[in-house]
Amino acid sequence: MDMRKNLWAGSLAILCGVLLFMVSCGKKGPPIPPKSKIPSAVQNINTNVQGSTVRLYWPVGDPGVSENRNIVSFRVYRSVRAATAARCPGCPMPFELAGEVLAATASEAGTVEFVDELSPGNLYFYKIVPVSKDGVAGDQSQIIKVEP
């Protein structure tokens, strides 16, 4: 009878151990980052083409965009298409990161700028994405078309 009690107690201990293992080793999800405000899209983008250079500039002093959203930089994306290429309405435009501008480099007038080299015979398309201090990318700006 003693042996039966020991066998039963041992079986119960193993069963409890297995159940404890199953409960504690569930699938763990990725850590959830703290909620961050998503920066608003950049507005009022201006362009200035001189020869083979384009200068894009925009204000960062809008309290609704930079101060309240803690924007630290702007990512500038570019897409290039041959001017003679057939238009394809509805086709996606492949954008690549052309550069990043720090918000701290704003001029006294409260604008930041991005300068890029252009090649004749191409059309250039730019969009700008603000990035918050938490590394959260905001909404993209409207697409700006530039012809050399």
N, C-alpha and C. Protein backbone atom coordinates (compact mmCIF):
# COMPACT_ATOMS: atom_id res chain seq x y z
N MET A 1 0.82 -1.19 0.00
CA MET A 1 0.00 0.00 0.00
C MET A 1 0.87 1.26 0.00
N ASP A 2 1.99 1.20 0.76
CA ASP A 2 2.90 2.34 0.81
C ASP A 2 3.47 2.64 -0.58
N MET A 3 3.76 1.59 -1.30
CA MET A 3 4.34 1.77 -2.64
C MET A 3 3.33 2.43 -3.56
N ARG A 4 2.06 2.06 -3.38
CA ARG A 4 1.01 2.67 -4.20
C ARG A 4 0.87 4.15 -3.90
N LYS A 5 0.98 4.53 -2.63
CA LYS A 5 0.88 5.94 -2.23
C LYS A 5 2.05 6.72 -2.84
N ASN A 6 3.24 6.13 -2.75
CA ASN A 6 4.41 6.80 -3.31
C ASN A 6 4.30 6.96 -4.83
N LEU A 7 3.81 5.94 -5.50
CA LEU A 7 3.63 6.00 -6.95
C LEU A 7 2.60 7.06 -7.31
N TRP A 8 1.51 7.08 -6.54
CA TRP A 8 0.46 8.07 -6.80
C TRP A 8 0.99 9.49 -6.52
N ALA A 9 1.73 9.68 -5.44
CA ALA A 9 2.28 10.99 -5.10
C ALA A 9 3.30 11.42 -6.15
N GLY A 10 4.12 10.48 -6.62
CA GLY A 10 5.10 10.81 -7.66
C GLY A 10 4.43 11.19 -8.96
N SER A 11 3.38 10.43 -9.32
CA SER A 11 2.64 10.74 -10.55
C SER A 11 1.98 12.10 -10.45
N LEU A 12 1.43 12.41 -9.29
CA LEU A 12 0.79 13.71 -9.07
C LEU A 12 1.83 14.84 -9.19
N ALA A 13 3.01 14.63 -8.64
CA ALA A 13 4.06 15.65 -8.71
C ALA A 13 4.49 15.88 -10.16
N ILE A 14 4.65 14.82 -10.92
CA ILE A 14 5.02 14.95 -12.33
C ILE A 14 3.93 15.67 -13.11
N LEU A 15 2.67 15.32 -12.86
CA LEU A 15 1.55 15.96 -13.54
C LEU A 15 1.51 17.45 -13.22
N CYS A 16 1.72 17.81 -11.96
CA CYS A 16 1.74 19.23 -11.58
C CYS A 16 2.89 19.96 -12.27
N GLY A 17 4.04 19.30 -12.33
CA GLY A 17 5.19 19.91 -12.99
C GLY A 17 4.93 20.16 -14.47
N VAL A 18 4.32 19.19 -15.15
CA VAL A 18 4.00 19.33 -16.57
C VAL A 18 2.98 20.45 -16.76
N LEU A 19 1.96 20.50 -15.93
CA LEU A 19 0.95 21.55 -16.05
C LEU A 19 1.57 22.93 -15.80
N LEU A 20 2.42 23.03 -14.81
CA LEU A 20 3.09 24.30 -14.52
C LEU A 20 3.96 24.73 -15.70
N PHE A 21 4.68 23.78 -16.29
CA PHE A 21 5.51 24.07 -17.45
C PHE A 21 4.67 24.55 -18.63
N MET A 22 3.54 23.93 -18.87
CA MET A 22 2.68 24.31 -20.00
C MET A 22 2.10 25.70 -19.81
N VAL A 23 1.74 26.04 -18.60
CA VAL A 23 1.14 27.35 -18.33
C VAL A 23 2.18 28.45 -18.43
N SER A 24 3.38 28.20 -17.97
CA SER A 24 4.38 29.26 -17.93
C SER A 24 5.15 29.44 -19.23
N CYS A 25 5.04 28.53 -20.16
CA CYS A 25 5.81 28.63 -21.40
C CYS A 25 4.92 28.90 -22.60
N GLY A 26 3.97 29.75 -22.44
CA GLY A 26 3.11 30.12 -23.56
C GLY A 26 3.86 30.98 -24.54
N LYS A 27 3.26 31.24 -25.67
CA LYS A 27 3.89 32.08 -26.69
C LYS A 27 3.96 33.51 -26.18
N LYS A 28 5.13 34.05 -26.23
CA LYS A 28 5.33 35.43 -25.80
C LYS A 28 5.30 36.33 -27.02
N GLY A 29 4.60 37.43 -26.92
CA GLY A 29 4.55 38.39 -28.02
C GLY A 29 5.69 39.38 -27.91
N PRO A 30 5.89 40.17 -28.95
CA PRO A 30 6.95 41.18 -28.89
C PRO A 30 6.58 42.26 -27.88
N PRO A 31 7.57 42.92 -27.31
CA PRO A 31 7.25 43.98 -26.36
C PRO A 31 6.46 45.09 -27.05
N ILE A 32 5.55 45.67 -26.34
CA ILE A 32 4.71 46.73 -26.89
C ILE A 32 5.35 48.07 -26.52
N PRO A 33 5.74 48.87 -27.53
CA PRO A 33 6.37 50.16 -27.22
C PRO A 33 5.33 51.12 -26.65
N PRO A 34 5.79 52.11 -25.90
CA PRO A 34 4.85 53.09 -25.38
C PRO A 34 4.20 53.86 -26.53
N LYS A 35 3.00 54.28 -26.30
CA LYS A 35 2.29 55.01 -27.36
C LYS A 35 3.00 56.32 -27.64
N SER A 36 3.23 56.59 -28.92
CA SER A 36 3.86 57.83 -29.36
C SER A 36 2.90 58.53 -30.31
N LYS A 37 2.98 59.84 -30.31
CA LYS A 37 2.17 60.60 -31.25
C LYS A 37 2.79 60.48 -32.63
N ILE A 38 1.95 60.27 -33.62
CA ILE A 38 2.43 60.18 -35.00
C ILE A 38 2.52 61.60 -35.55
N PRO A 39 3.71 61.98 -36.03
CA PRO A 39 3.86 63.34 -36.57
C PRO A 39 2.96 63.58 -37.78
N SER A 40 2.47 64.79 -37.87
CA SER A 40 1.63 65.18 -39.00
C SER A 40 2.49 65.34 -40.26
N ALA A 41 1.85 65.23 -41.40
CA ALA A 41 2.54 65.38 -42.67
C ALA A 41 3.10 66.80 -42.82
N VAL A 42 4.23 66.89 -43.50
CA VAL A 42 4.84 68.19 -43.79
C VAL A 42 3.96 68.93 -44.80
N GLN A 43 3.76 70.20 -44.55
CA GLN A 43 2.95 71.05 -45.42
C GLN A 43 3.81 72.17 -46.01
N ASN A 44 3.30 72.84 -47.00
CA ASN A 44 3.94 74.04 -47.58
C ASN A 44 5.37 73.79 -48.05
N ILE A 45 5.54 72.75 -48.85
CA ILE A 45 6.86 72.45 -49.41
C ILE A 45 7.08 73.33 -50.63
N ASN A 46 8.21 74.00 -50.65
CA ASN A 46 8.57 74.86 -51.77
C ASN A 46 9.77 74.27 -52.49
N THR A 47 9.87 74.57 -53.79
CA THR A 47 11.01 74.11 -54.57
C THR A 47 11.63 75.28 -55.30
N ASN A 48 12.93 75.16 -55.54
CA ASN A 48 13.66 76.17 -56.30
C ASN A 48 14.68 75.42 -57.15
N VAL A 49 14.47 75.42 -58.47
CA VAL A 49 15.37 74.74 -59.39
C VAL A 49 16.28 75.78 -60.03
N GLN A 50 17.59 75.55 -59.90
CA GLN A 50 18.58 76.41 -60.53
C GLN A 50 19.59 75.53 -61.22
N GLY A 51 19.55 75.52 -62.53
CA GLY A 51 20.46 74.67 -63.30
C GLY A 51 20.18 73.20 -63.02
N SER A 52 21.19 72.50 -62.53
CA SER A 52 21.03 71.07 -62.27
C SER A 52 20.84 70.79 -60.78
N THR A 53 20.40 71.80 -60.02
CA THR A 53 20.21 71.64 -58.58
C THR A 53 18.78 72.02 -58.20
N VAL A 54 18.18 71.23 -57.32
CA VAL A 54 16.87 71.57 -56.77
C VAL A 54 17.03 71.77 -55.27
N ARG A 55 16.34 72.75 -54.77
CA ARG A 55 16.31 73.03 -53.33
C ARG A 55 14.87 72.88 -52.87
N LEU A 56 14.63 71.92 -52.00
CA LEU A 56 13.31 71.77 -51.39
C LEU A 56 13.39 72.37 -49.99
N TYR A 57 12.43 73.18 -49.61
CA TYR A 57 12.44 73.75 -48.27
C TYR A 57 11.02 73.88 -47.75
N TRP A 58 10.90 73.75 -46.43
CA TRP A 58 9.58 73.75 -45.79
C TRP A 58 9.72 74.24 -44.35
N PRO A 59 8.64 74.78 -43.78
CA PRO A 59 8.69 75.28 -42.40
C PRO A 59 8.62 74.15 -41.38
N VAL A 60 9.33 74.34 -40.26
CA VAL A 60 9.23 73.40 -39.15
C VAL A 60 8.73 74.09 -37.89
N GLY A 61 8.49 75.37 -37.97
CA GLY A 61 8.10 76.14 -36.80
C GLY A 61 6.64 76.05 -36.42
N ASP A 62 5.83 75.32 -37.17
CA ASP A 62 4.41 75.19 -36.86
C ASP A 62 4.26 74.40 -35.57
N PRO A 63 3.70 75.00 -34.52
CA PRO A 63 3.59 74.29 -33.25
C PRO A 63 2.80 72.99 -33.36
N GLY A 64 1.87 72.93 -34.28
CA GLY A 64 1.10 71.71 -34.44
C GLY A 64 1.90 70.59 -35.06
N VAL A 65 3.02 70.93 -35.70
CA VAL A 65 3.82 69.90 -36.36
C VAL A 65 5.08 69.58 -35.57
N SER A 66 5.90 70.56 -35.28
CA SER A 66 7.21 70.24 -34.70
C SER A 66 7.24 70.26 -33.18
N GLU A 67 6.75 71.30 -32.54
CA GLU A 67 6.88 71.40 -31.09
C GLU A 67 5.99 70.39 -30.37
N ASN A 68 4.74 70.30 -30.80
CA ASN A 68 3.82 69.38 -30.13
C ASN A 68 4.11 67.93 -30.46
N ARG A 69 4.74 67.68 -31.57
CA ARG A 69 4.98 66.30 -32.00
C ARG A 69 6.44 65.88 -31.79
N ASN A 70 7.28 66.81 -31.34
CA ASN A 70 8.68 66.50 -31.07
C ASN A 70 9.42 65.90 -32.26
N ILE A 71 9.31 66.55 -33.40
CA ILE A 71 9.99 66.10 -34.61
C ILE A 71 11.48 66.41 -34.50
N VAL A 72 12.31 65.40 -34.81
CA VAL A 72 13.76 65.61 -34.75
C VAL A 72 14.40 65.59 -36.13
N SER A 73 13.74 64.97 -37.11
CA SER A 73 14.32 64.94 -38.45
C SER A 73 13.24 64.72 -39.50
N PHE A 74 13.66 64.85 -40.74
CA PHE A 74 12.78 64.63 -41.88
C PHE A 74 13.50 63.73 -42.87
N ARG A 75 12.85 62.66 -43.29
CA ARG A 75 13.41 61.77 -44.30
C ARG A 75 12.87 62.21 -45.66
N VAL A 76 13.77 62.40 -46.60
CA VAL A 76 13.40 62.82 -47.94
C VAL A 76 13.55 61.61 -48.87
N TYR A 77 12.45 61.26 -49.51
CA TYR A 77 12.45 60.13 -50.44
C TYR A 77 12.34 60.65 -51.87
N ARG A 78 13.01 59.98 -52.80
CA ARG A 78 13.05 60.42 -54.19
C ARG A 78 12.73 59.26 -55.12
N SER A 79 12.00 59.58 -56.19
CA SER A 79 11.75 58.63 -57.27
C SER A 79 12.15 59.33 -58.56
N VAL A 80 12.86 58.61 -59.42
CA VAL A 80 13.35 59.19 -60.69
C VAL A 80 12.75 58.40 -61.83
N ARG A 81 12.27 59.14 -62.83
CA ARG A 81 11.70 58.49 -64.02
C ARG A 81 12.18 59.26 -65.25
N ALA A 82 12.50 58.53 -66.29
CA ALA A 82 12.90 59.19 -67.54
C ALA A 82 11.73 60.02 -68.06
N ALA A 83 12.05 61.22 -68.52
CA ALA A 83 10.99 62.12 -69.01
C ALA A 83 10.27 61.51 -70.21
N THR A 84 10.95 60.65 -70.95
CA THR A 84 10.35 60.05 -72.14
C THR A 84 9.59 58.76 -71.82
N ALA A 85 9.66 58.29 -70.59
CA ALA A 85 8.97 57.05 -70.21
C ALA A 85 7.46 57.25 -70.28
N ALA A 86 6.78 56.22 -70.70
CA ALA A 86 5.32 56.28 -70.79
C ALA A 86 4.71 56.41 -69.39
N ARG A 87 3.69 57.23 -69.29
CA ARG A 87 2.99 57.37 -68.01
C ARG A 87 2.22 56.10 -67.74
N CYS A 88 2.13 55.77 -66.50
CA CYS A 88 1.41 54.57 -66.07
C CYS A 88 0.50 54.94 -64.91
N PRO A 89 -0.69 55.46 -65.20
CA PRO A 89 -1.59 55.84 -64.11
C PRO A 89 -1.92 54.63 -63.24
N GLY A 90 -1.81 54.82 -61.94
CA GLY A 90 -2.12 53.74 -61.01
C GLY A 90 -0.94 52.86 -60.67
N CYS A 91 0.16 52.97 -61.42
CA CYS A 91 1.34 52.16 -61.12
C CYS A 91 2.06 52.77 -59.91
N PRO A 92 2.60 51.93 -59.04
CA PRO A 92 3.32 52.48 -57.89
C PRO A 92 4.65 53.09 -58.31
N MET A 93 5.03 54.15 -57.61
CA MET A 93 6.32 54.80 -57.87
C MET A 93 7.33 54.28 -56.86
N PRO A 94 8.45 53.77 -57.30
CA PRO A 94 9.46 53.29 -56.34
C PRO A 94 10.27 54.45 -55.76
N PHE A 95 10.09 54.70 -54.49
CA PHE A 95 10.83 55.77 -53.81
C PHE A 95 11.99 55.17 -53.02
N GLU A 96 13.12 55.88 -53.01
CA GLU A 96 14.28 55.50 -52.22
C GLU A 96 14.66 56.66 -51.33
N LEU A 97 15.24 56.35 -50.18
CA LEU A 97 15.68 57.39 -49.27
C LEU A 97 16.81 58.18 -49.93
N ALA A 98 16.59 59.48 -50.09
CA ALA A 98 17.59 60.35 -50.71
C ALA A 98 18.43 61.05 -49.65
N GLY A 99 17.88 61.21 -48.45
CA GLY A 99 18.62 61.87 -47.38
C GLY A 99 17.73 62.14 -46.19
N GLU A 100 18.37 62.61 -45.13
CA GLU A 100 17.63 62.96 -43.90
C GLU A 100 18.12 64.32 -43.44
N VAL A 101 17.18 65.17 -43.05
CA VAL A 101 17.50 66.53 -42.62
C VAL A 101 17.11 66.65 -41.15
N LEU A 102 18.03 67.13 -40.33
CA LEU A 102 17.74 67.32 -38.92
C LEU A 102 16.92 68.59 -38.72
N ALA A 103 15.91 68.51 -37.88
CA ALA A 103 15.07 69.67 -37.59
C ALA A 103 15.88 70.77 -36.92
N ALA A 104 16.93 70.39 -36.20
CA ALA A 104 17.78 71.37 -35.51
C ALA A 104 18.54 72.26 -36.47
N THR A 105 18.59 71.91 -37.75
CA THR A 105 19.31 72.73 -38.74
C THR A 105 18.42 73.81 -39.34
N ALA A 106 17.26 74.03 -38.77
CA ALA A 106 16.33 75.04 -39.29
C ALA A 106 16.99 76.43 -39.29
N SER A 107 16.66 77.19 -40.32
CA SER A 107 17.19 78.55 -40.44
C SER A 107 16.49 79.46 -39.43
N GLU A 108 16.93 80.70 -39.39
CA GLU A 108 16.28 81.68 -38.51
C GLU A 108 14.83 81.88 -38.90
N ALA A 109 14.53 81.67 -40.17
CA ALA A 109 13.15 81.83 -40.65
C ALA A 109 12.30 80.61 -40.27
N GLY A 110 12.93 79.57 -39.70
CA GLY A 110 12.18 78.40 -39.28
C GLY A 110 11.96 77.37 -40.37
N THR A 111 12.83 77.37 -41.39
CA THR A 111 12.69 76.38 -42.47
C THR A 111 13.92 75.48 -42.51
N VAL A 112 13.70 74.27 -42.99
CA VAL A 112 14.80 73.35 -43.27
C VAL A 112 14.83 73.12 -44.77
N GLU A 113 15.98 72.69 -45.26
CA GLU A 113 16.08 72.50 -46.71
C GLU A 113 16.84 71.23 -47.04
N PHE A 114 16.55 70.75 -48.24
CA PHE A 114 17.23 69.59 -48.80
C PHE A 114 17.63 69.96 -50.21
N VAL A 115 18.91 69.76 -50.55
CA VAL A 115 19.42 70.10 -51.88
C VAL A 115 19.80 68.80 -52.59
N ASP A 116 19.41 68.70 -53.87
CA ASP A 116 19.68 67.50 -54.64
C ASP A 116 20.13 67.88 -56.05
N GLU A 117 20.93 67.00 -56.64
CA GLU A 117 21.40 67.19 -58.01
C GLU A 117 20.42 66.54 -58.99
N LEU A 118 20.18 67.22 -60.09
CA LEU A 118 19.25 66.73 -61.11
C LEU A 118 20.02 66.43 -62.40
N SER A 119 19.50 65.47 -63.15
CA SER A 119 20.06 65.14 -64.47
C SER A 119 19.04 65.49 -65.53
N PRO A 120 19.46 66.11 -66.63
CA PRO A 120 18.51 66.43 -67.69
C PRO A 120 17.90 65.15 -68.26
N GLY A 121 16.66 65.25 -68.69
CA GLY A 121 15.97 64.10 -69.28
C GLY A 121 15.25 63.23 -68.27
N ASN A 122 15.29 63.60 -66.99
CA ASN A 122 14.59 62.84 -65.96
C ASN A 122 13.55 63.71 -65.27
N LEU A 123 12.54 63.06 -64.75
CA LEU A 123 11.57 63.71 -63.88
C LEU A 123 11.85 63.21 -62.48
N TYR A 124 11.73 64.08 -61.50
CA TYR A 124 12.01 63.73 -60.11
C TYR A 124 10.75 63.94 -59.28
N PHE A 125 10.54 63.02 -58.37
CA PHE A 125 9.39 63.10 -57.47
C PHE A 125 9.93 62.95 -56.05
N TYR A 126 9.47 63.81 -55.15
CA TYR A 126 9.95 63.80 -53.77
C TYR A 126 8.76 63.71 -52.82
N LYS A 127 8.99 63.06 -51.70
CA LYS A 127 8.04 63.10 -50.58
C LYS A 127 8.86 63.16 -49.30
N ILE A 128 8.30 63.79 -48.29
CA ILE A 128 9.01 64.03 -47.04
C ILE A 128 8.23 63.41 -45.90
N VAL A 129 8.94 62.73 -45.01
CA VAL A 129 8.32 62.06 -43.87
C VAL A 129 8.98 62.57 -42.59
N PRO A 130 8.21 63.17 -41.67
CA PRO A 130 8.79 63.61 -40.40
C PRO A 130 9.04 62.43 -39.48
N VAL A 131 10.06 62.55 -38.61
CA VAL A 131 10.40 61.49 -37.66
C VAL A 131 10.44 62.11 -36.27
N SER A 132 9.73 61.49 -35.32
CA SER A 132 9.67 62.01 -33.95
C SER A 132 10.89 61.58 -33.15
N LYS A 133 11.04 62.15 -31.96
CA LYS A 133 12.18 61.81 -31.10
C LYS A 133 12.15 60.34 -30.69
N ASP A 134 10.97 59.70 -30.76
CA ASP A 134 10.84 58.28 -30.43
C ASP A 134 11.15 57.39 -31.63
N GLY A 135 11.49 58.00 -32.77
CA GLY A 135 11.79 57.22 -33.97
C GLY A 135 10.56 56.83 -34.76
N VAL A 136 9.41 57.43 -34.43
CA VAL A 136 8.16 57.13 -35.12
C VAL A 136 8.08 57.97 -36.38
N ALA A 137 7.93 57.32 -37.53
CA ALA A 137 7.78 58.03 -38.80
C ALA A 137 6.34 58.50 -38.93
N GLY A 138 6.18 59.74 -39.35
CA GLY A 138 4.85 60.31 -39.48
C GLY A 138 4.25 60.09 -40.86
N ASP A 139 3.19 60.81 -41.11
CA ASP A 139 2.52 60.73 -42.40
C ASP A 139 3.41 61.37 -43.47
N GLN A 140 3.36 60.80 -44.67
CA GLN A 140 4.17 61.36 -45.76
C GLN A 140 3.49 62.62 -46.32
N SER A 141 4.31 63.48 -46.87
CA SER A 141 3.80 64.71 -47.48
C SER A 141 3.18 64.37 -48.83
N GLN A 142 2.63 65.39 -49.44
CA GLN A 142 2.19 65.22 -50.82
C GLN A 142 3.42 64.99 -51.68
N ILE A 143 3.26 64.39 -52.83
CA ILE A 143 4.38 64.14 -53.73
C ILE A 143 4.65 65.40 -54.55
N ILE A 144 5.90 65.80 -54.56
CA ILE A 144 6.33 67.01 -55.27
C ILE A 144 7.05 66.59 -56.55
N LYS A 145 6.60 67.09 -57.69
CA LYS A 145 7.21 66.78 -58.99
C LYS A 145 8.18 67.90 -59.35
N VAL A 146 9.39 67.52 -59.77
CA VAL A 146 10.41 68.50 -60.15
C VAL A 146 10.97 68.13 -61.52
N GLU A 147 11.02 69.12 -62.41
CA GLU A 147 11.61 68.93 -63.74
C GLU A 147 12.84 69.85 -63.84
N PRO A 148 13.99 69.27 -64.26
CA PRO A 148 15.19 70.12 -64.41
C PRO A 148 15.02 71.14 -65.53
